[in-house]
Amino acid sequence: MSDSNEVEWFNEPVEIAHEFEFDLNCLVVMNHHFSLDGITRAEDEEMVNWQEALAQQGSEVASSVLHRERGVSDALRRAANQLALVGIVTRLQHWVGRLAEKQGLKPEKNRRPDASSTQSSE
């Protein structure tokens, strides 16, 4: 058995992920991964079911139905990608807000111009 000081990895610095990275990985990346896996699994099941049901039909009918099913799955994948992007932006907004609070900054409220002030300038 060797001395633990001789093992090289004990002397290596350990990089600890920032809370934002951890948050992003847990809430966005993993959710996206699970969504895509679920879509692929459902697509595979539907393809098998349709292939069995269309075994006696002509190849044009089967090809058309299978193409439609692939289109539905592709649309679901696009939606999952867009939701992941929304999740990234939401998490970034959350962390920017936390940083602003730590710095003692207060964001200005979004103010809409009054209708009376825009009419008086005309």
N, C-alpha and C. Protein backbone atom coordinates (compact mmCIF):
# COMPACT_ATOMS: atom_id res chain seq x y z
N MET A 1 0.84 -1.17 0.00
CA MET A 1 0.00 0.00 0.00
C MET A 1 0.89 1.24 0.00
N SER A 2 0.57 2.22 -0.80
CA SER A 2 1.43 3.39 -0.92
C SER A 2 0.98 4.51 0.00
N ASP A 3 1.88 5.41 0.25
CA ASP A 3 1.60 6.57 1.09
C ASP A 3 0.68 7.52 0.32
N SER A 4 -0.33 8.09 0.98
CA SER A 4 -1.29 8.96 0.29
C SER A 4 -0.64 10.21 -0.26
N ASN A 5 0.50 10.63 0.29
CA ASN A 5 1.19 11.81 -0.23
C ASN A 5 1.84 11.54 -1.57
N GLU A 6 2.06 10.29 -1.89
CA GLU A 6 2.67 9.93 -3.16
C GLU A 6 1.68 9.94 -4.30
N VAL A 7 0.40 9.89 -4.00
CA VAL A 7 -0.60 9.89 -5.05
C VAL A 7 -0.72 11.30 -5.62
N GLU A 8 -0.59 11.42 -6.92
CA GLU A 8 -0.54 12.73 -7.56
C GLU A 8 -1.84 13.51 -7.42
N TRP A 9 -2.98 12.86 -7.47
CA TRP A 9 -4.24 13.61 -7.49
C TRP A 9 -4.55 14.28 -6.16
N PHE A 10 -3.88 13.90 -5.09
CA PHE A 10 -4.07 14.60 -3.81
C PHE A 10 -3.48 16.00 -3.87
N ASN A 11 -2.50 16.21 -4.72
CA ASN A 11 -1.83 17.50 -4.83
C ASN A 11 -2.46 18.41 -5.88
N GLU A 12 -3.38 17.89 -6.63
CA GLU A 12 -4.01 18.67 -7.68
C GLU A 12 -5.12 19.55 -7.11
N PRO A 13 -5.22 20.80 -7.58
CA PRO A 13 -6.33 21.65 -7.11
C PRO A 13 -7.66 21.11 -7.64
N VAL A 14 -8.68 21.24 -6.85
CA VAL A 14 -10.00 20.76 -7.23
C VAL A 14 -10.86 21.96 -7.60
N GLU A 15 -11.41 21.93 -8.79
CA GLU A 15 -12.26 23.02 -9.23
C GLU A 15 -13.69 22.73 -8.79
N ILE A 16 -14.25 23.65 -8.06
CA ILE A 16 -15.63 23.51 -7.59
C ILE A 16 -16.52 24.36 -8.49
N ALA A 17 -17.58 23.76 -8.97
CA ALA A 17 -18.49 24.47 -9.87
C ALA A 17 -19.18 25.61 -9.14
N HIS A 18 -19.34 26.70 -9.85
CA HIS A 18 -20.08 27.84 -9.30
C HIS A 18 -21.54 27.44 -9.16
N GLU A 19 -22.23 28.07 -8.24
CA GLU A 19 -23.64 27.74 -7.99
C GLU A 19 -24.47 27.91 -9.25
N PHE A 20 -24.14 28.92 -10.08
CA PHE A 20 -24.88 29.12 -11.33
C PHE A 20 -24.72 27.93 -12.25
N GLU A 21 -23.50 27.43 -12.37
CA GLU A 21 -23.24 26.27 -13.22
C GLU A 21 -23.99 25.05 -12.71
N PHE A 22 -23.96 24.85 -11.42
CA PHE A 22 -24.67 23.73 -10.80
C PHE A 22 -26.17 23.87 -11.03
N ASP A 23 -26.70 25.07 -10.81
CA ASP A 23 -28.12 25.36 -11.01
C ASP A 23 -28.52 25.12 -12.46
N LEU A 24 -27.72 25.63 -13.37
CA LEU A 24 -28.01 25.48 -14.80
C LEU A 24 -27.99 24.02 -15.21
N ASN A 25 -27.01 23.28 -14.72
CA ASN A 25 -26.90 21.86 -15.08
C ASN A 25 -28.08 21.07 -14.54
N CYS A 26 -28.45 21.32 -13.29
CA CYS A 26 -29.54 20.56 -12.68
C CYS A 26 -30.90 20.92 -13.25
N LEU A 27 -31.15 22.21 -13.42
CA LEU A 27 -32.49 22.64 -13.80
C LEU A 27 -32.73 22.73 -15.30
N VAL A 28 -31.71 23.01 -16.06
CA VAL A 28 -31.93 23.22 -17.49
C VAL A 28 -31.38 22.05 -18.31
N VAL A 29 -30.11 21.76 -18.14
CA VAL A 29 -29.46 20.76 -18.99
C VAL A 29 -30.07 19.37 -18.77
N MET A 30 -30.21 18.98 -17.52
CA MET A 30 -30.75 17.65 -17.24
C MET A 30 -32.22 17.55 -17.68
N ASN A 31 -32.99 18.60 -17.45
CA ASN A 31 -34.38 18.61 -17.88
C ASN A 31 -34.47 18.48 -19.40
N HIS A 32 -33.61 19.19 -20.11
CA HIS A 32 -33.58 19.11 -21.57
C HIS A 32 -33.21 17.70 -22.02
N HIS A 33 -32.21 17.14 -21.36
CA HIS A 33 -31.76 15.78 -21.69
C HIS A 33 -32.90 14.77 -21.49
N PHE A 34 -33.59 14.86 -20.35
CA PHE A 34 -34.70 13.95 -20.07
C PHE A 34 -35.84 14.14 -21.07
N SER A 35 -36.11 15.38 -21.45
CA SER A 35 -37.16 15.66 -22.42
C SER A 35 -36.84 15.02 -23.77
N LEU A 36 -35.61 15.21 -24.23
CA LEU A 36 -35.22 14.64 -25.52
C LEU A 36 -35.23 13.11 -25.48
N ASP A 37 -34.80 12.53 -24.37
CA ASP A 37 -34.85 11.07 -24.23
C ASP A 37 -36.29 10.57 -24.28
N GLY A 38 -37.19 11.26 -23.60
CA GLY A 38 -38.60 10.87 -23.60
C GLY A 38 -39.22 10.98 -24.99
N ILE A 39 -38.87 12.04 -25.71
CA ILE A 39 -39.39 12.21 -27.07
C ILE A 39 -38.88 11.10 -27.97
N THR A 40 -37.61 10.77 -27.87
CA THR A 40 -37.03 9.69 -28.69
C THR A 40 -37.67 8.35 -28.36
N ARG A 41 -37.88 8.09 -27.08
CA ARG A 41 -38.51 6.83 -26.66
C ARG A 41 -39.94 6.75 -27.20
N ALA A 42 -40.69 7.83 -27.07
CA ALA A 42 -42.07 7.84 -27.57
C ALA A 42 -42.10 7.70 -29.10
N GLU A 43 -41.16 8.36 -29.77
CA GLU A 43 -41.09 8.26 -31.23
C GLU A 43 -40.80 6.82 -31.66
N ASP A 44 -39.87 6.17 -30.99
CA ASP A 44 -39.53 4.78 -31.33
C ASP A 44 -40.74 3.86 -31.13
N GLU A 45 -41.47 4.06 -30.02
CA GLU A 45 -42.66 3.24 -29.77
C GLU A 45 -43.73 3.47 -30.83
N GLU A 46 -43.95 4.72 -31.18
CA GLU A 46 -44.95 5.04 -32.21
C GLU A 46 -44.55 4.44 -33.56
N MET A 47 -43.27 4.53 -33.90
CA MET A 47 -42.81 3.97 -35.17
C MET A 47 -43.04 2.47 -35.23
N VAL A 48 -42.74 1.78 -34.15
CA VAL A 48 -42.96 0.33 -34.11
C VAL A 48 -44.45 0.02 -34.24
N ASN A 49 -45.29 0.75 -33.51
CA ASN A 49 -46.74 0.53 -33.58
C ASN A 49 -47.27 0.78 -34.99
N TRP A 50 -46.82 1.87 -35.62
CA TRP A 50 -47.29 2.17 -36.96
C TRP A 50 -46.77 1.15 -37.97
N GLN A 51 -45.55 0.73 -37.83
CA GLN A 51 -45.00 -0.24 -38.77
C GLN A 51 -45.77 -1.55 -38.70
N GLU A 52 -46.14 -1.96 -37.49
CA GLU A 52 -46.94 -3.18 -37.34
C GLU A 52 -48.33 -2.99 -37.94
N ALA A 53 -48.93 -1.84 -37.70
CA ALA A 53 -50.28 -1.59 -38.20
C ALA A 53 -50.30 -1.43 -39.71
N LEU A 54 -49.24 -0.92 -40.28
CA LEU A 54 -49.20 -0.64 -41.72
C LEU A 54 -48.47 -1.72 -42.52
N ALA A 55 -48.20 -2.84 -41.90
CA ALA A 55 -47.44 -3.90 -42.57
C ALA A 55 -48.13 -4.37 -43.84
N GLN A 56 -49.46 -4.43 -43.83
CA GLN A 56 -50.17 -4.91 -45.02
C GLN A 56 -50.53 -3.79 -45.99
N GLN A 57 -50.34 -2.55 -45.61
CA GLN A 57 -50.63 -1.42 -46.50
C GLN A 57 -49.50 -1.24 -47.50
N GLY A 58 -49.72 -0.39 -48.47
CA GLY A 58 -48.69 -0.10 -49.46
C GLY A 58 -47.56 0.71 -48.85
N SER A 59 -46.43 0.70 -49.53
CA SER A 59 -45.26 1.39 -49.00
C SER A 59 -45.44 2.91 -48.99
N GLU A 60 -46.26 3.44 -49.92
CA GLU A 60 -46.49 4.89 -49.95
C GLU A 60 -47.29 5.35 -48.74
N VAL A 61 -48.30 4.58 -48.36
CA VAL A 61 -49.11 4.92 -47.18
C VAL A 61 -48.25 4.85 -45.93
N ALA A 62 -47.48 3.79 -45.79
CA ALA A 62 -46.62 3.62 -44.62
C ALA A 62 -45.58 4.73 -44.56
N SER A 63 -44.99 5.06 -45.69
CA SER A 63 -43.98 6.11 -45.73
C SER A 63 -44.57 7.46 -45.33
N SER A 64 -45.78 7.73 -45.78
CA SER A 64 -46.45 8.99 -45.46
C SER A 64 -46.75 9.11 -43.97
N VAL A 65 -47.27 8.04 -43.39
CA VAL A 65 -47.61 8.05 -41.97
C VAL A 65 -46.34 8.17 -41.12
N LEU A 66 -45.31 7.42 -41.47
CA LEU A 66 -44.05 7.46 -40.71
C LEU A 66 -43.38 8.83 -40.83
N HIS A 67 -43.49 9.44 -42.02
CA HIS A 67 -42.93 10.78 -42.21
C HIS A 67 -43.66 11.80 -41.33
N ARG A 68 -44.97 11.66 -41.23
CA ARG A 68 -45.75 12.55 -40.38
C ARG A 68 -45.34 12.39 -38.91
N GLU A 69 -45.16 11.14 -38.47
CA GLU A 69 -44.75 10.89 -37.08
C GLU A 69 -43.37 11.48 -36.79
N ARG A 70 -42.46 11.39 -37.76
CA ARG A 70 -41.14 11.99 -37.57
C ARG A 70 -41.26 13.51 -37.46
N GLY A 71 -42.17 14.09 -38.23
CA GLY A 71 -42.40 15.53 -38.17
C GLY A 71 -42.91 15.97 -36.81
N VAL A 72 -43.81 15.18 -36.23
CA VAL A 72 -44.33 15.49 -34.89
C VAL A 72 -43.20 15.44 -33.87
N SER A 73 -42.37 14.42 -33.95
CA SER A 73 -41.24 14.29 -33.02
C SER A 73 -40.25 15.42 -33.19
N ASP A 74 -40.00 15.81 -34.43
CA ASP A 74 -39.08 16.93 -34.67
C ASP A 74 -39.63 18.23 -34.08
N ALA A 75 -40.95 18.44 -34.20
CA ALA A 75 -41.58 19.63 -33.61
C ALA A 75 -41.45 19.60 -32.09
N LEU A 76 -41.60 18.43 -31.49
CA LEU A 76 -41.44 18.31 -30.04
C LEU A 76 -39.99 18.59 -29.62
N ARG A 77 -39.04 18.16 -30.42
CA ARG A 77 -37.63 18.44 -30.11
C ARG A 77 -37.34 19.94 -30.20
N ARG A 78 -37.89 20.60 -31.23
CA ARG A 78 -37.72 22.04 -31.34
C ARG A 78 -38.30 22.75 -30.13
N ALA A 79 -39.49 22.31 -29.70
CA ALA A 79 -40.12 22.91 -28.52
C ALA A 79 -39.27 22.68 -27.28
N ALA A 80 -38.68 21.50 -27.13
CA ALA A 80 -37.81 21.22 -25.98
C ALA A 80 -36.58 22.11 -26.02
N ASN A 81 -36.02 22.33 -27.20
CA ASN A 81 -34.86 23.22 -27.33
C ASN A 81 -35.23 24.65 -26.96
N GLN A 82 -36.39 25.10 -27.41
CA GLN A 82 -36.83 26.46 -27.09
C GLN A 82 -37.11 26.62 -25.60
N LEU A 83 -37.70 25.61 -24.98
CA LEU A 83 -37.93 25.66 -23.54
C LEU A 83 -36.61 25.68 -22.76
N ALA A 84 -35.63 24.96 -23.25
CA ALA A 84 -34.32 24.98 -22.60
C ALA A 84 -33.71 26.38 -22.69
N LEU A 85 -33.88 27.03 -23.83
CA LEU A 85 -33.37 28.40 -23.98
C LEU A 85 -34.09 29.35 -23.03
N VAL A 86 -35.39 29.20 -22.89
CA VAL A 86 -36.13 30.02 -21.93
C VAL A 86 -35.63 29.75 -20.52
N GLY A 87 -35.35 28.50 -20.20
CA GLY A 87 -34.82 28.15 -18.89
C GLY A 87 -33.47 28.79 -18.63
N ILE A 88 -32.61 28.81 -19.64
CA ILE A 88 -31.29 29.44 -19.50
C ILE A 88 -31.44 30.92 -19.20
N VAL A 89 -32.28 31.59 -19.97
CA VAL A 89 -32.47 33.03 -19.77
C VAL A 89 -33.09 33.30 -18.40
N THR A 90 -34.03 32.48 -17.98
CA THR A 90 -34.67 32.66 -16.68
C THR A 90 -33.67 32.49 -15.55
N ARG A 91 -32.84 31.45 -15.63
CA ARG A 91 -31.84 31.23 -14.59
C ARG A 91 -30.81 32.37 -14.58
N LEU A 92 -30.42 32.84 -15.76
CA LEU A 92 -29.48 33.95 -15.83
C LEU A 92 -30.08 35.20 -15.20
N GLN A 93 -31.34 35.48 -15.48
CA GLN A 93 -32.02 36.62 -14.89
C GLN A 93 -32.05 36.48 -13.36
N HIS A 94 -32.32 35.28 -12.87
CA HIS A 94 -32.34 35.03 -11.44
C HIS A 94 -30.98 35.36 -10.81
N TRP A 95 -29.91 34.87 -11.43
CA TRP A 95 -28.58 35.06 -10.86
C TRP A 95 -28.11 36.49 -10.99
N VAL A 96 -28.48 37.19 -12.04
CA VAL A 96 -28.14 38.61 -12.16
C VAL A 96 -28.86 39.39 -11.05
N GLY A 97 -30.10 39.03 -10.77
CA GLY A 97 -30.85 39.67 -9.68
C GLY A 97 -30.18 39.43 -8.33
N ARG A 98 -29.70 38.22 -8.11
CA ARG A 98 -29.00 37.92 -6.85
C ARG A 98 -27.70 38.72 -6.73
N LEU A 99 -26.98 38.83 -7.84
CA LEU A 99 -25.74 39.62 -7.83
C LEU A 99 -26.05 41.08 -7.56
N ALA A 100 -27.10 41.61 -8.17
CA ALA A 100 -27.48 43.01 -7.95
C ALA A 100 -27.84 43.24 -6.48
N GLU A 101 -28.54 42.30 -5.88
CA GLU A 101 -28.89 42.42 -4.46
C GLU A 101 -27.64 42.42 -3.58
N LYS A 102 -26.68 41.54 -3.90
CA LYS A 102 -25.45 41.48 -3.11
C LYS A 102 -24.66 42.79 -3.21
N GLN A 103 -24.75 43.44 -4.37
CA GLN A 103 -24.04 44.69 -4.58
C GLN A 103 -24.82 45.89 -4.03
N GLY A 104 -26.02 45.63 -3.53
CA GLY A 104 -26.84 46.71 -2.98
C GLY A 104 -27.51 47.55 -4.05
N LEU A 105 -27.61 47.02 -5.24
CA LEU A 105 -28.24 47.74 -6.35
C LEU A 105 -29.73 47.42 -6.39
N LYS A 106 -30.50 48.42 -6.74
CA LYS A 106 -31.93 48.23 -6.84
C LYS A 106 -32.34 48.51 -8.29
N PRO A 107 -32.89 47.53 -8.99
CA PRO A 107 -33.26 47.79 -10.38
C PRO A 107 -34.43 48.76 -10.45
N GLU A 108 -34.41 49.59 -11.49
CA GLU A 108 -35.51 50.52 -11.69
C GLU A 108 -36.71 49.76 -12.21
N LYS A 109 -37.87 50.21 -11.82
CA LYS A 109 -39.10 49.62 -12.32
C LYS A 109 -39.27 50.05 -13.77
N ASN A 110 -39.79 49.14 -14.58
CA ASN A 110 -40.10 49.50 -15.96
C ASN A 110 -41.31 50.41 -15.95
N ARG A 111 -41.09 51.61 -16.39
CA ARG A 111 -42.17 52.59 -16.39
C ARG A 111 -42.64 52.83 -17.80
N ARG A 112 -43.94 52.77 -17.95
CA ARG A 112 -44.52 53.10 -19.24
C ARG A 112 -44.84 54.59 -19.23
N PRO A 113 -44.58 55.25 -20.33
CA PRO A 113 -44.91 56.69 -20.36
C PRO A 113 -46.42 56.89 -20.23
N ASP A 114 -46.79 57.92 -19.51
CA ASP A 114 -48.21 58.24 -19.36
C ASP A 114 -48.77 58.64 -20.71
N ALA A 115 -50.03 58.31 -20.91
CA ALA A 115 -50.70 58.69 -22.15
C ALA A 115 -50.82 60.21 -22.24
N SER A 116 -51.01 60.88 -21.11
CA SER A 116 -51.17 62.34 -21.13
C SER A 116 -49.87 63.03 -21.53
N SER A 117 -48.71 62.49 -21.14
CA SER A 117 -47.44 63.14 -21.48
C SER A 117 -47.11 62.98 -22.95
N THR A 118 -47.54 61.89 -23.57
CA THR A 118 -47.27 61.70 -24.99
C THR A 118 -48.21 62.53 -25.84
N GLN A 119 -49.43 62.76 -25.35
CA GLN A 119 -50.38 63.56 -26.10
C GLN A 119 -50.04 65.04 -26.02
N SER A 120 -49.48 65.50 -24.91
CA SER A 120 -49.20 66.92 -24.75
C SER A 120 -48.03 67.36 -25.62
N SER A 121 -47.16 66.43 -26.01
CA SER A 121 -46.02 66.80 -26.84
C SER A 121 -46.37 66.92 -28.30
N GLU A 122 -47.57 66.55 -28.69
CA GLU A 122 -47.94 66.61 -30.11
C GLU A 122 -48.35 67.98 -30.53
